[in-house]
């Protein structure tokens, strides 16, 4: 039986990428010692923060 996790992740998202994009991700994985899932989560957080800043700037104008 598997380990019980504090924050289990049940949702799976897949996407198609080119060979060039895959190589780019693999290079980043080697340099950072992180998984593709970790890199995608970080990218998603970065994009969310970026959109939040743009929305804030739009409302302030």
PDB file of N, CA and C in Angstrom:
ATOM      1  N   UNK A   1       0.840  -1.170   0.000  1.00  0.00           N
ATOM      2  CA  UNK A   1       0.000   0.000   0.000  1.00  0.00           C
ATOM      3  C   UNK A   1       0.892   1.241   0.000  1.00  0.00           C
ATOM      4  N   UNK A   2       0.499   2.281  -0.756  1.00  0.00           N
ATOM      5  CA  UNK A   2       1.292   3.501  -0.883  1.00  0.00           C
ATOM      6  C   UNK A   2       1.230   4.373   0.353  1.00  0.00           C
ATOM      7  N   UNK A   3       2.147   5.326   0.383  1.00  0.00           N
ATOM      8  CA  UNK A   3       2.210   6.267   1.490  1.00  0.00           C
ATOM      9  C   UNK A   3       1.034   7.236   1.428  1.00  0.00           C
ATOM     10  N   UNK A   4       0.488   7.601   2.582  1.00  0.00           N
ATOM     11  CA  UNK A   4      -0.558   8.622   2.634  1.00  0.00           C
ATOM     12  C   UNK A   4       0.131   9.990   2.556  1.00  0.00           C
ATOM     13  N   UNK A   5      -0.348  10.832   1.656  1.00  0.00           N
ATOM     14  CA  UNK A   5       0.234  12.157   1.488  1.00  0.00           C
ATOM     15  C   UNK A   5      -0.649  13.203   2.133  1.00  0.00           C
ATOM     16  N   UNK A   6      -0.005  14.258   2.597  1.00  0.00           N
ATOM     17  CA  UNK A   6      -0.744  15.352   3.213  1.00  0.00           C
ATOM     18  C   UNK A   6      -1.605  16.073   2.179  1.00  0.00           C
ATOM     19  N   UNK A   7      -1.050  16.342   1.002  1.00  0.00           N
ATOM     20  CA  UNK A   7      -1.773  17.018  -0.073  1.00  0.00           C
ATOM     21  C   UNK A   7      -1.731  16.157  -1.334  1.00  0.00           C
ATOM     22  N   UNK A   8      -2.562  15.128  -1.388  1.00  0.00           N
ATOM     23  CA  UNK A   8      -2.507  14.260  -2.571  1.00  0.00           C
ATOM     24  C   UNK A   8      -2.945  14.998  -3.823  1.00  0.00           C
ATOM     25  N   UNK A   9      -2.354  14.644  -4.946  1.00  0.00           N
ATOM     26  CA  UNK A   9      -2.697  15.246  -6.234  1.00  0.00           C
ATOM     27  C   UNK A   9      -3.343  14.174  -7.099  1.00  0.00           C
ATOM     28  N   UNK A  10      -4.612  14.365  -7.411  1.00  0.00           N
ATOM     29  CA  UNK A  10      -5.353  13.372  -8.172  1.00  0.00           C
ATOM     30  C   UNK A  10      -5.589  13.786  -9.616  1.00  0.00           C
ATOM     31  N   UNK A  11      -5.384  15.055  -9.927  1.00  0.00           N
ATOM     32  CA  UNK A  11      -5.677  15.549 -11.262  1.00  0.00           C
ATOM     33  C   UNK A  11      -4.452  15.432 -12.156  1.00  0.00           C
ATOM     34  N   UNK A  12      -4.672  14.901 -13.350  1.00  0.00           N
ATOM     35  CA  UNK A  12      -3.586  14.738 -14.316  1.00  0.00           C
ATOM     36  C   UNK A  12      -3.929  15.574 -15.539  1.00  0.00           C
ATOM     37  N   UNK A  13      -2.970  16.373 -15.971  1.00  0.00           N
ATOM     38  CA  UNK A  13      -3.126  17.170 -17.182  1.00  0.00           C
ATOM     39  C   UNK A  13      -2.009  16.764 -18.124  1.00  0.00           C
ATOM     40  N   UNK A  14      -2.356  16.491 -19.365  1.00  0.00           N
ATOM     41  CA  UNK A  14      -1.327  16.140 -20.331  1.00  0.00           C
ATOM     42  C   UNK A  14      -1.353  17.147 -21.465  1.00  0.00           C
ATOM     43  N   UNK A  15      -0.227  17.267 -22.140  1.00  0.00           N
ATOM     44  CA  UNK A  15      -0.140  18.173 -23.276  1.00  0.00           C
ATOM     45  C   UNK A  15       0.879  17.639 -24.255  1.00  0.00           C
ATOM     46  N   UNK A  16       0.748  18.035 -25.483  1.00  0.00           N
ATOM     47  CA  UNK A  16       1.697  17.622 -26.513  1.00  0.00           C
ATOM     48  C   UNK A  16       2.719  18.733 -26.700  1.00  0.00           C
ATOM     49  N   UNK A  17       3.989  18.336 -26.779  1.00  0.00           N
ATOM     50  CA  UNK A  17       5.059  19.299 -27.014  1.00  0.00           C
ATOM     51  C   UNK A  17       5.977  18.746 -28.106  1.00  0.00           C
ATOM     52  N   UNK A  18       6.722  19.651 -28.710  1.00  0.00           N
ATOM     53  CA  UNK A  18       7.639  19.242 -29.769  1.00  0.00           C
ATOM     54  C   UNK A  18       8.883  18.591 -29.163  1.00  0.00           C
ATOM     55  N   UNK A  19       9.677  17.962 -30.014  1.00  0.00           N
ATOM     56  CA  UNK A  19      10.945  17.380 -29.553  1.00  0.00           C
ATOM     57  C   UNK A  19      11.846  18.471 -28.998  1.00  0.00           C
ATOM     58  N   UNK A  20      11.854  19.621 -29.649  1.00  0.00           N
ATOM     59  CA  UNK A  20      12.687  20.744 -29.198  1.00  0.00           C
ATOM     60  C   UNK A  20      12.249  21.230 -27.817  1.00  0.00           C
ATOM     61  N   UNK A  21      10.933  21.327 -27.595  1.00  0.00           N
ATOM     62  CA  UNK A  21      10.429  21.745 -26.286  1.00  0.00           C
ATOM     63  C   UNK A  21      10.775  20.706 -25.226  1.00  0.00           C
ATOM     64  N   UNK A  22      10.690  19.430 -25.580  1.00  0.00           N
ATOM     65  CA  UNK A  22      11.034  18.353 -24.640  1.00  0.00           C
ATOM     66  C   UNK A  22      12.510  18.434 -24.244  1.00  0.00           C
ATOM     67  N   UNK A  23      13.387  18.666 -25.223  1.00  0.00           N
ATOM     68  CA  UNK A  23      14.812  18.806 -24.926  1.00  0.00           C
ATOM     69  C   UNK A  23      15.071  19.994 -24.018  1.00  0.00           C
ATOM     70  N   UNK A  24      14.358  21.077 -24.276  1.00  0.00           N
ATOM     71  CA  UNK A  24      14.506  22.267 -23.436  1.00  0.00           C
ATOM     72  C   UNK A  24      14.107  21.950 -21.991  1.00  0.00           C
ATOM     73  N   UNK A  25      12.982  21.269 -21.814  1.00  0.00           N
ATOM     74  CA  UNK A  25      12.551  20.878 -20.469  1.00  0.00           C
ATOM     75  C   UNK A  25      13.551  19.936 -19.807  1.00  0.00           C
ATOM     76  N   UNK A  26      14.071  18.982 -20.563  1.00  0.00           N
ATOM     77  CA  UNK A  26      15.048  18.048 -20.002  1.00  0.00           C
ATOM     78  C   UNK A  26      16.314  18.772 -19.556  1.00  0.00           C
ATOM     79  N   UNK A  27      16.750  19.774 -20.321  1.00  0.00           N
ATOM     80  CA  UNK A  27      17.918  20.569 -19.920  1.00  0.00           C
ATOM     81  C   UNK A  27      17.652  21.315 -18.618  1.00  0.00           C
ATOM     82  N   UNK A  28      16.467  21.887 -18.499  1.00  0.00           N
ATOM     83  CA  UNK A  28      16.115  22.595 -17.264  1.00  0.00           C
ATOM     84  C   UNK A  28      16.050  21.614 -16.100  1.00  0.00           C
ATOM     85  N   UNK A  29      15.481  20.423 -16.340  1.00  0.00           N
ATOM     86  CA  UNK A  29      15.404  19.404 -15.293  1.00  0.00           C
ATOM     87  C   UNK A  29      16.793  19.030 -14.788  1.00  0.00           C
ATOM     88  N   UNK A  30      17.736  18.847 -15.702  1.00  0.00           N
ATOM     89  CA  UNK A  30      19.099  18.483 -15.310  1.00  0.00           C
ATOM     90  C   UNK A  30      19.760  19.598 -14.508  1.00  0.00           C
ATOM     91  N   UNK A  31      19.567  20.840 -14.947  1.00  0.00           N
ATOM     92  CA  UNK A  31      20.200  21.980 -14.276  1.00  0.00           C
ATOM     93  C   UNK A  31      19.615  22.245 -12.901  1.00  0.00           C
ATOM     94  N   UNK A  32      18.317  21.984 -12.732  1.00  0.00           N
ATOM     95  CA  UNK A  32      17.648  22.321 -11.474  1.00  0.00           C
ATOM     96  C   UNK A  32      17.382  21.122 -10.577  1.00  0.00           C
ATOM     97  N   UNK A  33      17.590  19.909 -11.108  1.00  0.00           N
ATOM     98  CA  UNK A  33      17.310  18.674 -10.362  1.00  0.00           C
ATOM     99  C   UNK A  33      15.853  18.650  -9.902  1.00  0.00           C
ATOM    100  N   UNK A  34      14.946  19.047 -10.813  1.00  0.00           N
ATOM    101  CA  UNK A  34      13.524  19.073 -10.506  1.00  0.00           C
ATOM    102  C   UNK A  34      12.767  18.296 -11.575  1.00  0.00           C
ATOM    103  N   UNK A  35      11.570  17.863 -11.232  1.00  0.00           N
ATOM    104  CA  UNK A  35      10.752  17.096 -12.169  1.00  0.00           C
ATOM    105  C   UNK A  35      10.000  18.030 -13.118  1.00  0.00           C
ATOM    106  N   UNK A  36       9.495  17.461 -14.195  1.00  0.00           N
ATOM    107  CA  UNK A  36       8.682  18.239 -15.125  1.00  0.00           C
ATOM    108  C   UNK A  36       7.447  18.778 -14.396  1.00  0.00           C
ATOM    109  N   UNK A  37       6.852  17.970 -13.547  1.00  0.00           N
ATOM    110  CA  UNK A  37       5.672  18.420 -12.802  1.00  0.00           C
ATOM    111  C   UNK A  37       6.007  19.637 -11.942  1.00  0.00           C
ATOM    112  N   UNK A  38       7.149  19.586 -11.253  1.00  0.00           N
ATOM    113  CA  UNK A  38       7.563  20.730 -10.438  1.00  0.00           C
ATOM    114  C   UNK A  38       7.780  21.975 -11.294  1.00  0.00           C
ATOM    115  N   UNK A  39       8.411  21.798 -12.457  1.00  0.00           N
ATOM    116  CA  UNK A  39       8.647  22.935 -13.351  1.00  0.00           C
ATOM    117  C   UNK A  39       7.332  23.511 -13.863  1.00  0.00           C
ATOM    118  N   UNK A  40       6.380  22.658 -14.191  1.00  0.00           N
ATOM    119  CA  UNK A  40       5.089  23.128 -14.686  1.00  0.00           C
ATOM    120  C   UNK A  40       4.314  23.855 -13.592  1.00  0.00           C
ATOM    121  N   UNK A  41       4.398  23.354 -12.360  1.00  0.00           N
ATOM    122  CA  UNK A  41       3.725  24.040 -11.254  1.00  0.00           C
ATOM    123  C   UNK A  41       4.335  25.429 -11.041  1.00  0.00           C
ATOM    124  N   UNK A  42       5.658  25.509 -11.111  1.00  0.00           N
ATOM    125  CA  UNK A  42       6.318  26.800 -10.948  1.00  0.00           C
ATOM    126  C   UNK A  42       5.925  27.754 -12.078  1.00  0.00           C
ATOM    127  N   UNK A  43       5.872  27.241 -13.303  1.00  0.00           N
ATOM    128  CA  UNK A  43       5.473  28.072 -14.438  1.00  0.00           C
ATOM    129  C   UNK A  43       4.034  28.559 -14.266  1.00  0.00           C
ATOM    130  N   UNK A  44       3.156  27.691 -13.778  1.00  0.00           N
ATOM    131  CA  UNK A  44       1.770  28.071 -13.562  1.00  0.00           C
ATOM    132  C   UNK A  44       1.664  29.157 -12.485  1.00  0.00           C
ATOM    133  N   UNK A  45       2.432  29.012 -11.408  1.00  0.00           N
ATOM    134  CA  UNK A  45       2.445  30.031 -10.359  1.00  0.00           C
ATOM    135  C   UNK A  45       2.963  31.367 -10.890  1.00  0.00           C
ATOM    136  N   UNK A  46       4.012  31.307 -11.708  1.00  0.00           N
ATOM    137  CA  UNK A  46       4.586  32.513 -12.296  1.00  0.00           C
ATOM    138  C   UNK A  46       3.563  33.220 -13.185  1.00  0.00           C
ATOM    139  N   UNK A  47       2.877  32.453 -14.028  1.00  0.00           N
ATOM    140  CA  UNK A  47       1.869  33.038 -14.915  1.00  0.00           C
ATOM    141  C   UNK A  47       0.711  33.627 -14.118  1.00  0.00           C
ATOM    142  N   UNK A  48       0.265  32.929 -13.092  1.00  0.00           N
ATOM    143  CA  UNK A  48      -0.831  33.429 -12.273  1.00  0.00           C
ATOM    144  C   UNK A  48      -0.446  34.753 -11.618  1.00  0.00           C
ATOM    145  N   UNK A  49       0.765  34.832 -11.080  1.00  0.00           N
ATOM    146  CA  UNK A  49       1.235  36.072 -10.456  1.00  0.00           C
ATOM    147  C   UNK A  49       1.353  37.182 -11.491  1.00  0.00           C
ATOM    148  N   UNK A  50       1.805  36.836 -12.678  1.00  0.00           N
ATOM    149  CA  UNK A  50       1.946  37.817 -13.748  1.00  0.00           C
ATOM    150  C   UNK A  50       0.581  38.381 -14.141  1.00  0.00           C
ATOM    151  N   UNK A  51      -0.400  37.515 -14.296  1.00  0.00           N
ATOM    152  CA  UNK A  51      -1.753  37.970 -14.644  1.00  0.00           C
ATOM    153  C   UNK A  51      -2.353  38.794 -13.518  1.00  0.00           C
ATOM    154  N   UNK A  52      -2.085  38.420 -12.267  1.00  0.00           N
ATOM    155  CA  UNK A  52      -2.587  39.194 -11.128  1.00  0.00           C
ATOM    156  C   UNK A  52      -2.013  40.605 -11.142  1.00  0.00           C
ATOM    157  N   UNK A  53      -0.723  40.735 -11.448  1.00  0.00           N
ATOM    158  CA  UNK A  53      -0.093  42.060 -11.509  1.00  0.00           C
ATOM    159  C   UNK A  53      -0.702  42.895 -12.630  1.00  0.00           C
ATOM    160  N   UNK A  54      -0.920  42.285 -13.782  1.00  0.00           N
ATOM    161  CA  UNK A  54      -1.503  43.008 -14.916  1.00  0.00           C
ATOM    162  C   UNK A  54      -2.916  43.460 -14.582  1.00  0.00           C
ATOM    163  N   UNK A  55      -3.687  42.604 -13.931  1.00  0.00           N
ATOM    164  CA  UNK A  55      -5.048  42.951 -13.551  1.00  0.00           C
ATOM    165  C   UNK A  55      -5.033  44.105 -12.562  1.00  0.00           C
ATOM    166  N   UNK A  56      -4.122  44.066 -11.612  1.00  0.00           N
ATOM    167  CA  UNK A  56      -4.003  45.128 -10.618  1.00  0.00           C
ATOM    168  C   UNK A  56      -3.644  46.448 -11.295  1.00  0.00           C
ATOM    169  N   UNK A  57      -2.690  46.398 -12.222  1.00  0.00           N
ATOM    170  CA  UNK A  57      -2.278  47.612 -12.948  1.00  0.00           C
ATOM    171  C   UNK A  57      -3.427  48.167 -13.762  1.00  0.00           C
ATOM    172  N   UNK A  58      -4.223  47.318 -14.372  1.00  0.00           N
ATOM    173  CA  UNK A  58      -5.352  47.749 -15.190  1.00  0.00           C
ATOM    174  C   UNK A  58      -6.395  48.449 -14.324  1.00  0.00           C
ATOM    175  N   UNK A  59      -6.668  47.925 -13.129  1.00  0.00           N
ATOM    176  CA  UNK A  59      -7.652  48.524 -12.233  1.00  0.00           C
ATOM    177  C   UNK A  59      -7.171  49.846 -11.659  1.00  0.00           C
ATOM    178  N   UNK A  60      -5.850  49.973 -11.457  1.00  0.00           N
ATOM    179  CA  UNK A  60      -5.287  51.195 -10.878  1.00  0.00           C
ATOM    180  C   UNK A  60      -5.279  52.347 -11.885  1.00  0.00           C
ATOM    181  N   UNK A  61      -5.300  52.021 -13.172  1.00  0.00           N
ATOM    182  CA  UNK A  61      -5.214  53.071 -14.198  1.00  0.00           C
ATOM    183  C   UNK A  61      -6.513  53.813 -14.387  1.00  0.00           C
TER     184      UNK A  61
END
